[in-house]
Amino acid sequence: MPKLKTHKGLKKRVKITASGKIKHRRPGMGHLLSGKNAKRRRRLNSPATMTAVYAHKAKIKLCD
């Protein structure tokens, strides 16, 4: 069976932490920010970790 190729789009968007969790940017900070209050924008600006179900699928795509 051949090796799996790394999904380059996912590789550019996520980082794997030392403990093996997947860190990503939160969606919703690209545009239309004037309609969002400051508290919400601050929360969206911080990175988030992927939930376990999606992280398992993402790790397969990352092939690390």
Protein backbone atom coordinates (compact mmCIF):
# COMPACT_ATOMS: atom_id res chain seq x y z
CA MET A 1 0.00 0.00 0.00
CA PRO A 2 1.46 3.44 -0.90
CA LYS A 3 2.10 6.14 1.64
CA LEU A 4 -0.62 8.72 2.28
CA LYS A 5 0.09 12.24 1.06
CA THR A 6 -0.13 15.15 3.49
CA HIS A 7 -3.12 17.43 2.92
CA LYS A 8 -1.29 20.69 2.18
CA GLY A 9 -4.32 22.93 2.79
CA LEU A 10 -4.80 21.52 6.28
CA LYS A 11 -1.08 21.64 7.04
CA LYS A 12 -1.05 25.41 6.41
CA ARG A 13 -4.02 26.00 8.72
CA VAL A 14 -3.26 23.90 11.82
CA LYS A 15 -0.43 23.16 14.24
CA ILE A 16 0.06 20.05 16.36
CA THR A 17 0.93 20.87 19.97
CA ALA A 18 3.50 18.99 22.05
CA SER A 19 0.72 17.01 23.74
CA GLY A 20 -0.72 15.99 20.34
CA LYS A 21 -3.72 18.31 20.23
CA ILE A 22 -4.51 20.23 17.06
CA LYS A 23 -4.56 24.02 17.34
CA HIS A 24 -6.41 26.12 14.75
CA ARG A 25 -7.78 29.62 14.17
CA ARG A 26 -11.41 30.26 14.99
CA PRO A 27 -13.66 31.06 12.03
CA GLY A 28 -15.44 34.41 11.76
CA MET A 29 -12.58 36.92 11.84
CA GLY A 30 -12.20 37.49 8.10
CA HIS A 31 -14.71 40.30 7.53
CA LEU A 32 -17.91 41.93 8.83
CA LEU A 33 -16.21 42.69 12.15
CA SER A 34 -18.12 45.91 12.77
CA GLY A 35 -21.25 43.90 13.55
CA LYS A 36 -19.48 41.90 16.25
CA ASN A 37 -18.89 43.31 19.71
CA ALA A 38 -15.41 43.65 21.20
CA LYS A 39 -15.80 40.72 23.61
CA ARG A 40 -16.74 38.40 20.75
CA ARG A 41 -13.85 39.64 18.56
CA ARG A 42 -11.36 39.05 21.38
CA ARG A 43 -12.67 35.52 21.85
CA LEU A 44 -12.53 34.80 18.13
CA ASN A 45 -8.97 36.11 17.97
CA SER A 46 -7.63 33.43 20.32
CA PRO A 47 -6.66 30.01 18.95
CA ALA A 48 -8.78 26.95 19.66
CA THR A 49 -8.14 23.21 19.87
CA MET A 50 -9.95 20.81 17.61
CA THR A 51 -12.48 18.44 19.16
CA ALA A 52 -11.42 14.80 19.42
CA VAL A 53 -13.61 13.50 16.58
CA TYR A 54 -12.29 16.01 14.03
CA ALA A 55 -8.74 15.84 15.39
CA HIS A 56 -8.58 12.10 14.70
CA LYS A 57 -9.58 12.65 11.06
CA ALA A 58 -7.20 15.60 10.71
CA LYS A 59 -4.23 13.62 12.04
CA ILE A 60 -4.82 11.00 9.35
CA LYS A 61 -4.76 13.76 6.71
CA LEU A 62 -1.59 15.29 8.19
CA CYS A 63 0.28 11.94 8.13
CA ASP A 64 2.70 12.93 10.92
